[in-house]
Amino acid sequence: MAPISQDKTKAAGRNALLEMAKAWEKEKGKIQHAIEAYERVIGIDPESKEADEARDALLEIAKRFEKEGKKYSAYYLYQKIGYGKEGMSKRAV
């Protein structure tokens, strides 16, 4: 039974980190903290539902950066979440 309990603990940790990232995203001047937290969630377990949520959040941040004219920051995030050089037209499998 230990592995199931450990899985629940890890999921709770990923979820807590995800919630922290969401909170930072809403605070002015804390977007870099949010990005790093989202990236960490993905790094912990790329196949988890929390990682999917983190990728979606990073995609939205990248779109926002692009609209704000922050092309390099948007490009960096697109690369981190698996979008090709063309932006959203190509997603890595």
PDB file of N, CA and C in Angstrom:
ATOM      1  N   MET A   1       0.802  -1.212   0.000  1.00  0.00           N
ATOM      2  CA  MET A   1       0.000   0.000   0.000  1.00  0.00           C
ATOM      3  C   MET A   1       0.840   1.269   0.000  1.00  0.00           C
ATOM      4  N   ALA A   2       2.076   1.173   0.322  1.00  0.00           N
ATOM      5  CA  ALA A   2       2.929   2.356   0.387  1.00  0.00           C
ATOM      6  C   ALA A   2       3.000   3.106  -0.941  1.00  0.00           C
ATOM      7  N   PRO A   3       3.110   2.399  -2.087  1.00  0.00           N
ATOM      8  CA  PRO A   3       3.191   3.144  -3.341  1.00  0.00           C
ATOM      9  C   PRO A   3       1.957   4.010  -3.622  1.00  0.00           C
ATOM     10  N   ILE A   4       0.772   3.537  -3.276  1.00  0.00           N
ATOM     11  CA  ILE A   4      -0.436   4.324  -3.515  1.00  0.00           C
ATOM     12  C   ILE A   4      -0.412   5.584  -2.665  1.00  0.00           C
ATOM     13  N   SER A   5      -0.049   5.446  -1.387  1.00  0.00           N
ATOM     14  CA  SER A   5       0.044   6.590  -0.499  1.00  0.00           C
ATOM     15  C   SER A   5       1.096   7.579  -0.991  1.00  0.00           C
ATOM     16  N   GLN A   6       2.207   7.047  -1.470  1.00  0.00           N
ATOM     17  CA  GLN A   6       3.277   7.896  -1.989  1.00  0.00           C
ATOM     18  C   GLN A   6       2.807   8.635  -3.234  1.00  0.00           C
ATOM     19  N   ASP A   7       2.048   7.962  -4.109  1.00  0.00           N
ATOM     20  CA  ASP A   7       1.512   8.612  -5.299  1.00  0.00           C
ATOM     21  C   ASP A   7       0.570   9.749  -4.930  1.00  0.00           C
ATOM     22  N   LYS A   8      -0.251   9.522  -3.920  1.00  0.00           N
ATOM     23  CA  LYS A   8      -1.174  10.574  -3.472  1.00  0.00           C
ATOM     24  C   LYS A   8      -0.412  11.766  -2.910  1.00  0.00           C
ATOM     25  N   THR A   9       0.648  11.486  -2.186  1.00  0.00           N
ATOM     26  CA  THR A   9       1.468  12.550  -1.622  1.00  0.00           C
ATOM     27  C   THR A   9       2.133  13.359  -2.729  1.00  0.00           C
ATOM     28  N   LYS A  10       2.666  12.671  -3.724  1.00  0.00           N
ATOM     29  CA  LYS A  10       3.304  13.366  -4.844  1.00  0.00           C
ATOM     30  C   LYS A  10       2.280  14.201  -5.608  1.00  0.00           C
ATOM     31  N   ALA A  11       1.091  13.658  -5.824  1.00  0.00           N
ATOM     32  CA  ALA A  11       0.042  14.403  -6.525  1.00  0.00           C
ATOM     33  C   ALA A  11      -0.352  15.638  -5.725  1.00  0.00           C
ATOM     34  N   ALA A  12      -0.435  15.491  -4.412  1.00  0.00           N
ATOM     35  CA  ALA A  12      -0.771  16.635  -3.557  1.00  0.00           C
ATOM     36  C   ALA A  12       0.317  17.703  -3.644  1.00  0.00           C
ATOM     37  N   GLY A  13       1.567  17.278  -3.700  1.00  0.00           N
ATOM     38  CA  GLY A  13       2.679  18.222  -3.835  1.00  0.00           C
ATOM     39  C   GLY A  13       2.635  18.963  -5.159  1.00  0.00           C
ATOM     40  N   ARG A  14       2.380  18.216  -6.239  1.00  0.00           N
ATOM     41  CA  ARG A  14       2.276  18.856  -7.565  1.00  0.00           C
ATOM     42  C   ARG A  14       1.113  19.843  -7.585  1.00  0.00           C
ATOM     43  N   ASN A  15       0.004  19.452  -6.976  1.00  0.00           N
ATOM     44  CA  ASN A  15      -1.164  20.314  -6.953  1.00  0.00           C
ATOM     45  C   ASN A  15      -0.898  21.592  -6.151  1.00  0.00           C
ATOM     46  N   ALA A  16      -0.210  21.449  -5.014  1.00  0.00           N
ATOM     47  CA  ALA A  16       0.127  22.622  -4.201  1.00  0.00           C
ATOM     48  C   ALA A  16       1.036  23.574  -4.980  1.00  0.00           C
ATOM     49  N   LEU A  17       2.006  23.026  -5.682  1.00  0.00           N
ATOM     50  CA  LEU A  17       2.906  23.849  -6.491  1.00  0.00           C
ATOM     51  C   LEU A  17       2.155  24.530  -7.625  1.00  0.00           C
ATOM     52  N   LEU A  18       1.215  23.811  -8.214  1.00  0.00           N
ATOM     53  CA  LEU A  18       0.386  24.380  -9.280  1.00  0.00           C
ATOM     54  C   LEU A  18      -0.452  25.546  -8.753  1.00  0.00           C
ATOM     55  N   GLU A  19      -1.040  25.373  -7.586  1.00  0.00           N
ATOM     56  CA  GLU A  19      -1.847  26.447  -6.984  1.00  0.00           C
ATOM     57  C   GLU A  19      -0.987  27.662  -6.646  1.00  0.00           C
ATOM     58  N   MET A  20       0.237  27.414  -6.175  1.00  0.00           N
ATOM     59  CA  MET A  20       1.159  28.508  -5.891  1.00  0.00           C
ATOM     60  C   MET A  20       1.484  29.270  -7.180  1.00  0.00           C
ATOM     61  N   ALA A  21       1.718  28.540  -8.254  1.00  0.00           N
ATOM     62  CA  ALA A  21       2.020  29.173  -9.544  1.00  0.00           C
ATOM     63  C   ALA A  21       0.849  30.044  -9.999  1.00  0.00           C
ATOM     64  N   LYS A  22      -0.371  29.538  -9.834  1.00  0.00           N
ATOM     65  CA  LYS A  22      -1.556  30.310 -10.218  1.00  0.00           C
ATOM     66  C   LYS A  22      -1.650  31.597  -9.409  1.00  0.00           C
ATOM     67  N   ALA A  23      -1.341  31.518  -8.126  1.00  0.00           N
ATOM     68  CA  ALA A  23      -1.377  32.706  -7.270  1.00  0.00           C
ATOM     69  C   ALA A  23      -0.325  33.714  -7.706  1.00  0.00           C
ATOM     70  N   TRP A  24       0.888  33.229  -7.991  1.00  0.00           N
ATOM     71  CA  TRP A  24       1.953  34.126  -8.445  1.00  0.00           C
ATOM     72  C   TRP A  24       1.595  34.762  -9.784  1.00  0.00           C
ATOM     73  N   GLU A  25       0.939  34.017 -10.641  1.00  0.00           N
ATOM     74  CA  GLU A  25       0.582  34.552 -11.950  1.00  0.00           C
ATOM     75  C   GLU A  25      -0.328  35.771 -11.817  1.00  0.00           C
ATOM     76  N   LYS A  26      -1.147  35.790 -10.794  1.00  0.00           N
ATOM     77  CA  LYS A  26      -2.091  36.898 -10.583  1.00  0.00           C
ATOM     78  C   LYS A  26      -1.437  38.123  -9.950  1.00  0.00           C
ATOM     79  N   GLU A  27      -0.279  37.934  -9.316  1.00  0.00           N
ATOM     80  CA  GLU A  27       0.400  39.041  -8.640  1.00  0.00           C
ATOM     81  C   GLU A  27       1.290  39.807  -9.606  1.00  0.00           C
ATOM     82  N   LYS A  28       1.195  41.106  -9.522  1.00  0.00           N
ATOM     83  CA  LYS A  28       2.027  41.949 -10.381  1.00  0.00           C
ATOM     84  C   LYS A  28       3.504  41.734 -10.041  1.00  0.00           C
ATOM     85  N   GLY A  29       4.292  41.517 -11.084  1.00  0.00           N
ATOM     86  CA  GLY A  29       5.728  41.363 -10.926  1.00  0.00           C
ATOM     87  C   GLY A  29       6.185  39.969 -10.519  1.00  0.00           C
ATOM     88  N   LYS A  30       5.275  39.012 -10.467  1.00  0.00           N
ATOM     89  CA  LYS A  30       5.630  37.658 -10.037  1.00  0.00           C
ATOM     90  C   LYS A  30       5.491  36.623 -11.150  1.00  0.00           C
ATOM     91  N   ILE A  31       5.361  37.060 -12.387  1.00  0.00           N
ATOM     92  CA  ILE A  31       5.131  36.123 -13.488  1.00  0.00           C
ATOM     93  C   ILE A  31       6.292  35.148 -13.663  1.00  0.00           C
ATOM     94  N   GLN A  32       7.520  35.604 -13.431  1.00  0.00           N
ATOM     95  CA  GLN A  32       8.667  34.699 -13.579  1.00  0.00           C
ATOM     96  C   GLN A  32       8.611  33.586 -12.542  1.00  0.00           C
ATOM     97  N   HIS A  33       8.176  33.920 -11.328  1.00  0.00           N
ATOM     98  CA  HIS A  33       8.007  32.890 -10.294  1.00  0.00           C
ATOM     99  C   HIS A  33       6.955  31.873 -10.739  1.00  0.00           C
ATOM    100  N   ALA A  34       5.874  32.368 -11.316  1.00  0.00           N
ATOM    101  CA  ALA A  34       4.808  31.478 -11.795  1.00  0.00           C
ATOM    102  C   ALA A  34       5.334  30.554 -12.891  1.00  0.00           C
ATOM    103  N   ILE A  35       6.058  31.118 -13.835  1.00  0.00           N
ATOM    104  CA  ILE A  35       6.612  30.321 -14.945  1.00  0.00           C
ATOM    105  C   ILE A  35       7.522  29.221 -14.400  1.00  0.00           C
ATOM    106  N   GLU A  36       8.400  29.575 -13.486  1.00  0.00           N
ATOM    107  CA  GLU A  36       9.314  28.590 -12.913  1.00  0.00           C
ATOM    108  C   GLU A  36       8.562  27.496 -12.162  1.00  0.00           C
ATOM    109  N   ALA A  37       7.508  27.864 -11.455  1.00  0.00           N
ATOM    110  CA  ALA A  37       6.722  26.864 -10.725  1.00  0.00           C
ATOM    111  C   ALA A  37       5.993  25.942 -11.700  1.00  0.00           C
ATOM    112  N   TYR A  38       5.417  26.515 -12.760  1.00  0.00           N
ATOM    113  CA  TYR A  38       4.759  25.685 -13.772  1.00  0.00           C
ATOM    114  C   TYR A  38       5.771  24.715 -14.407  1.00  0.00           C
ATOM    115  N   GLU A  39       6.958  25.214 -14.715  1.00  0.00           N
ATOM    116  CA  GLU A  39       7.991  24.361 -15.299  1.00  0.00           C
ATOM    117  C   GLU A  39       8.387  23.244 -14.332  1.00  0.00           C
ATOM    118  N   ARG A  40       8.428  23.554 -13.061  1.00  0.00           N
ATOM    119  CA  ARG A  40       8.785  22.535 -12.063  1.00  0.00           C
ATOM    120  C   ARG A  40       7.709  21.454 -11.981  1.00  0.00           C
ATOM    121  N   VAL A  41       6.440  21.859 -12.035  1.00  0.00           N
ATOM    122  CA  VAL A  41       5.347  20.889 -12.020  1.00  0.00           C
ATOM    123  C   VAL A  41       5.514  19.920 -13.192  1.00  0.00           C
ATOM    124  N   ILE A  42       5.817  20.452 -14.362  1.00  0.00           N
ATOM    125  CA  ILE A  42       6.012  19.620 -15.552  1.00  0.00           C
ATOM    126  C   ILE A  42       7.220  18.714 -15.364  1.00  0.00           C
ATOM    127  N   GLY A  43       8.291  19.249 -14.791  1.00  0.00           N
ATOM    128  CA  GLY A  43       9.509  18.482 -14.594  1.00  0.00           C
ATOM    129  C   GLY A  43       9.354  17.332 -13.607  1.00  0.00           C
ATOM    130  N   ILE A  44       8.498  17.493 -12.634  1.00  0.00           N
ATOM    131  CA  ILE A  44       8.302  16.453 -11.624  1.00  0.00           C
ATOM    132  C   ILE A  44       7.666  15.214 -12.241  1.00  0.00           C
ATOM    133  N   ASP A  45       6.606  15.414 -13.007  1.00  0.00           N
ATOM    134  CA  ASP A  45       5.926  14.280 -13.653  1.00  0.00           C
ATOM    135  C   ASP A  45       5.238  14.790 -14.914  1.00  0.00           C
ATOM    136  N   PRO A  46       5.930  14.741 -16.052  1.00  0.00           N
ATOM    137  CA  PRO A  46       5.401  15.296 -17.299  1.00  0.00           C
ATOM    138  C   PRO A  46       4.084  14.672 -17.770  1.00  0.00           C
ATOM    139  N   GLU A  47       3.763  13.495 -17.269  1.00  0.00           N
ATOM    140  CA  GLU A  47       2.553  12.803 -17.712  1.00  0.00           C
ATOM    141  C   GLU A  47       1.352  13.047 -16.803  1.00  0.00           C
ATOM    142  N   SER A  48       1.516  13.811 -15.750  1.00  0.00           N
ATOM    143  CA  SER A  48       0.432  14.024 -14.785  1.00  0.00           C
ATOM    144  C   SER A  48      -0.585  15.037 -15.292  1.00  0.00           C
ATOM    145  N   LYS A  49      -1.769  15.001 -14.685  1.00  0.00           N
ATOM    146  CA  LYS A  49      -2.801  15.975 -15.042  1.00  0.00           C
ATOM    147  C   LYS A  49      -2.370  17.381 -14.623  1.00  0.00           C
ATOM    148  N   GLU A  50      -1.583  17.475 -13.539  1.00  0.00           N
ATOM    149  CA  GLU A  50      -1.080  18.779 -13.111  1.00  0.00           C
ATOM    150  C   GLU A  50      -0.114  19.346 -14.148  1.00  0.00           C
ATOM    151  N   ALA A  51       0.677  18.481 -14.760  1.00  0.00           N
ATOM    152  CA  ALA A  51       1.601  18.928 -15.810  1.00  0.00           C
ATOM    153  C   ALA A  51       0.820  19.437 -17.019  1.00  0.00           C
ATOM    154  N   ASP A  52      -0.277  18.766 -17.350  1.00  0.00           N
ATOM    155  CA  ASP A  52      -1.126  19.245 -18.451  1.00  0.00           C
ATOM    156  C   ASP A  52      -1.673  20.635 -18.147  1.00  0.00           C
ATOM    157  N   GLU A  53      -2.111  20.837 -16.907  1.00  0.00           N
ATOM    158  CA  GLU A  53      -2.610  22.154 -16.498  1.00  0.00           C
ATOM    159  C   GLU A  53      -1.502  23.198 -16.568  1.00  0.00           C
ATOM    160  N   ALA A  54      -0.307  22.819 -16.137  1.00  0.00           N
ATOM    161  CA  ALA A  54       0.829  23.739 -16.161  1.00  0.00           C
ATOM    162  C   ALA A  54       1.188  24.122 -17.598  1.00  0.00           C
ATOM    163  N   ARG A  55       1.171  23.133 -18.515  1.00  0.00           N
ATOM    164  CA  ARG A  55       1.442  23.437 -19.931  1.00  0.00           C
ATOM    165  C   ARG A  55       0.393  24.387 -20.501  1.00  0.00           C
ATOM    166  N   ASP A  56      -0.871  24.159 -20.152  1.00  0.00           N
ATOM    167  CA  ASP A  56      -1.933  25.051 -20.613  1.00  0.00           C
ATOM    168  C   ASP A  56      -1.725  26.472 -20.094  1.00  0.00           C
ATOM    169  N   ALA A  57      -1.332  26.583 -18.831  1.00  0.00           N
ATOM    170  CA  ALA A  57      -1.078  27.902 -18.247  1.00  0.00           C
ATOM    171  C   ALA A  57       0.100  28.582 -18.934  1.00  0.00           C
ATOM    172  N   LEU A  58       1.167  27.828 -19.197  1.00  0.00           N
ATOM    173  CA  LEU A  58       2.325  28.401 -19.891  1.00  0.00           C
ATOM    174  C   LEU A  58       1.966  28.829 -21.306  1.00  0.00           C
ATOM    175  N   LEU A  59       1.106  28.071 -21.958  1.00  0.00           N
ATOM    176  CA  LEU A  59       0.655  28.453 -23.296  1.00  0.00           C
ATOM    177  C   LEU A  59      -0.090  29.781 -23.243  1.00  0.00           C
ATOM    178  N   GLU A  60      -0.951  29.953 -22.264  1.00  0.00           N
ATOM    179  CA  GLU A  60      -1.689  31.215 -22.132  1.00  0.00           C
ATOM    180  C   GLU A  60      -0.749  32.383 -21.835  1.00  0.00           C
ATOM    181  N   ILE A  61       0.251  32.144 -21.002  1.00  0.00           N
ATOM    182  CA  ILE A  61       1.241  33.188 -20.709  1.00  0.00           C
ATOM    183  C   ILE A  61       2.013  33.536 -21.984  1.00  0.00           C
ATOM    184  N   ALA A  62       2.394  32.524 -22.759  1.00  0.00           N
ATOM    185  CA  ALA A  62       3.116  32.760 -24.017  1.00  0.00           C
ATOM    186  C   ALA A  62       2.270  33.594 -24.979  1.00  0.00           C
ATOM    187  N   LYS A  63       0.997  33.268 -25.089  1.00  0.00           N
ATOM    188  CA  LYS A  63       0.099  34.048 -25.954  1.00  0.00           C
ATOM    189  C   LYS A  63       0.026  35.492 -25.483  1.00  0.00           C
ATOM    190  N   ARG A  64      -0.054  35.672 -24.161  1.00  0.00           N
ATOM    191  CA  ARG A  64      -0.113  37.023 -23.598  1.00  0.00           C
ATOM    192  C   ARG A  64       1.186  37.770 -23.894  1.00  0.00           C
ATOM    193  N   PHE A  65       2.325  37.098 -23.724  1.00  0.00           N
ATOM    194  CA  PHE A  65       3.613  37.725 -24.038  1.00  0.00           C
ATOM    195  C   PHE A  65       3.657  38.147 -25.505  1.00  0.00           C
ATOM    196  N   GLU A  66       3.171  37.285 -26.377  1.00  0.00           N
ATOM    197  CA  GLU A  66       3.187  37.585 -27.804  1.00  0.00           C
ATOM    198  C   GLU A  66       2.360  38.835 -28.105  1.00  0.00           C
ATOM    199  N   LYS A  67       1.186  38.931 -27.499  1.00  0.00           N
ATOM    200  CA  LYS A  67       0.326  40.107 -27.698  1.00  0.00           C
ATOM    201  C   LYS A  67       0.981  41.373 -27.170  1.00  0.00           C
ATOM    202  N   GLU A  68       1.764  41.231 -26.095  1.00  0.00           N
ATOM    203  CA  GLU A  68       2.453  42.376 -25.488  1.00  0.00           C
ATOM    204  C   GLU A  68       3.738  42.739 -26.218  1.00  0.00           C
ATOM    205  N   GLY A  69       4.073  41.985 -27.258  1.00  0.00           N
ATOM    206  CA  GLY A  69       5.283  42.261 -28.021  1.00  0.00           C
ATOM    207  C   GLY A  69       6.535  41.636 -27.441  1.00  0.00           C
ATOM    208  N   LYS A  70       6.378  40.763 -26.470  1.00  0.00           N
ATOM    209  CA  LYS A  70       7.525  40.084 -25.850  1.00  0.00           C
ATOM    210  C   LYS A  70       7.774  38.779 -26.607  1.00  0.00           C
ATOM    211  N   LYS A  71       8.202  38.917 -27.847  1.00  0.00           N
ATOM    212  CA  LYS A  71       8.343  37.773 -28.753  1.00  0.00           C
ATOM    213  C   LYS A  71       9.336  36.726 -28.267  1.00  0.00           C
ATOM    214  N   TYR A  72      10.474  37.162 -27.720  1.00  0.00           N
ATOM    215  CA  TYR A  72      11.481  36.208 -27.275  1.00  0.00           C
ATOM    216  C   TYR A  72      10.985  35.408 -26.074  1.00  0.00           C
ATOM    217  N   SER A  73      10.303  36.083 -25.162  1.00  0.00           N
ATOM    218  CA  SER A  73       9.744  35.382 -24.000  1.00  0.00           C
ATOM    219  C   SER A  73       8.675  34.395 -24.435  1.00  0.00           C
ATOM    220  N   ALA A  74       7.849  34.794 -25.385  1.00  0.00           N
ATOM    221  CA  ALA A  74       6.818  33.898 -25.911  1.00  0.00           C
ATOM    222  C   ALA A  74       7.464  32.702 -26.591  1.00  0.00           C
ATOM    223  N   TYR A  75       8.468  32.947 -27.402  1.00  0.00           N
ATOM    224  CA  TYR A  75       9.165  31.881 -28.117  1.00  0.00           C
ATOM    225  C   TYR A  75       9.766  30.880 -27.128  1.00  0.00           C
ATOM    226  N   TYR A  76      10.396  31.390 -26.082  1.00  0.00           N
ATOM    227  CA  TYR A  76      10.989  30.524 -25.055  1.00  0.00           C
ATOM    228  C   TYR A  76       9.927  29.595 -24.465  1.00  0.00           C
ATOM    229  N   LEU A  77       8.775  30.151 -24.117  1.00  0.00           N
ATOM    230  CA  LEU A  77       7.722  29.325 -23.522  1.00  0.00           C
ATOM    231  C   LEU A  77       7.149  28.332 -24.521  1.00  0.00           C
ATOM    232  N   TYR A  78       6.969  28.753 -25.761  1.00  0.00           N
ATOM    233  CA  TYR A  78       6.485  27.807 -26.775  1.00  0.00           C
ATOM    234  C   TYR A  78       7.443  26.624 -26.891  1.00  0.00           C
ATOM    235  N   GLN A  79       8.731  26.897 -26.860  1.00  0.00           N
ATOM    236  CA  GLN A  79       9.722  25.823 -26.940  1.00  0.00           C
ATOM    237  C   GLN A  79       9.651  24.919 -25.708  1.00  0.00           C
ATOM    238  N   LYS A  80       9.483  25.510 -24.533  1.00  0.00           N
ATOM    239  CA  LYS A  80       9.427  24.730 -23.301  1.00  0.00           C
ATOM    240  C   LYS A  80       8.227  23.781 -23.274  1.00  0.00           C
ATOM    241  N   ILE A  81       7.122  24.189 -23.864  1.00  0.00           N
ATOM    242  CA  ILE A  81       5.914  23.361 -23.796  1.00  0.00           C
ATOM    243  C   ILE A  81       5.715  22.503 -25.039  1.00  0.00           C
ATOM    244  N   GLY A  82       6.679  22.554 -25.959  1.00  0.00           N
ATOM    245  CA  GLY A  82       6.642  21.623 -27.070  1.00  0.00           C
ATOM    246  C   GLY A  82       6.041  22.136 -28.358  1.00  0.00           C
ATOM    247  N   TYR A  83       5.975  23.434 -28.526  1.00  0.00           N
ATOM    248  CA  TYR A  83       5.506  23.986 -29.788  1.00  0.00           C
ATOM    249  C   TYR A  83       6.705  24.300 -30.653  1.00  0.00           C
ATOM    250  N   GLY A  84       6.541  24.102 -31.930  1.00  0.00           N
ATOM    251  CA  GLY A  84       7.644  24.309 -32.857  1.00  0.00           C
ATOM    252  C   GLY A  84       7.978  25.768 -33.062  1.00  0.00           C
ATOM    253  N   LYS A  85       8.944  25.992 -33.904  1.00  0.00           N
ATOM    254  CA  LYS A  85       9.439  27.317 -34.229  1.00  0.00           C
ATOM    255  C   LYS A  85       8.328  28.236 -34.726  1.00  0.00           C
ATOM    256  N   GLU A  86       7.327  27.640 -35.336  1.00  0.00           N
ATOM    257  CA  GLU A  86       6.223  28.406 -35.909  1.00  0.00           C
ATOM    258  C   GLU A  86       5.190  28.780 -34.853  1.00  0.00           C
ATOM    259  N   GLY A  87       5.466  28.539 -33.584  1.00  0.00           N
ATOM    260  CA  GLY A  87       4.505  28.860 -32.540  1.00  0.00           C
ATOM    261  C   GLY A  87       3.509  27.749 -32.362  1.00  0.00           C
ATOM    262  N   MET A  88       2.245  28.057 -32.418  1.00  0.00           N
ATOM    263  CA  MET A  88       1.215  27.084 -32.090  1.00  0.00           C
ATOM    264  C   MET A  88       0.861  26.161 -33.242  1.00  0.00           C
ATOM    265  N   SER A  89       1.466  26.322 -34.377  1.00  0.00           N
ATOM    266  CA  SER A  89       1.073  25.507 -35.518  1.00  0.00           C
ATOM    267  C   SER A  89       1.604  24.072 -35.454  1.00  0.00           C
ATOM    268  N   LYS A  90       2.550  23.815 -34.554  1.00  0.00           N
ATOM    269  CA  LYS A  90       3.155  22.486 -34.510  1.00  0.00           C
ATOM    270  C   LYS A  90       3.427  22.104 -33.065  1.00  0.00           C
ATOM    271  N   ARG A  91       2.853  20.997 -32.622  1.00  0.00           N
ATOM    272  CA  ARG A  91       3.087  20.550 -31.252  1.00  0.00           C
ATOM    273  C   ARG A  91       3.859  19.242 -31.272  1.00  0.00           C
ATOM    274  N   ALA A  92       4.860  19.180 -30.430  1.00  0.00           N
ATOM    275  CA  ALA A  92       5.668  17.963 -30.323  1.00  0.00           C
ATOM    276  C   ALA A  92       4.840  16.828 -29.749  1.00  0.00           C
ATOM    277  N   VAL A  93       5.172  15.631 -30.178  1.00  0.00           N
ATOM    278  CA  VAL A  93       4.442  14.449 -29.683  1.00  0.00           C
ATOM    279  C   VAL A  93       5.259  13.764 -28.612  1.00  0.00           C
TER     280      VAL A  93
END
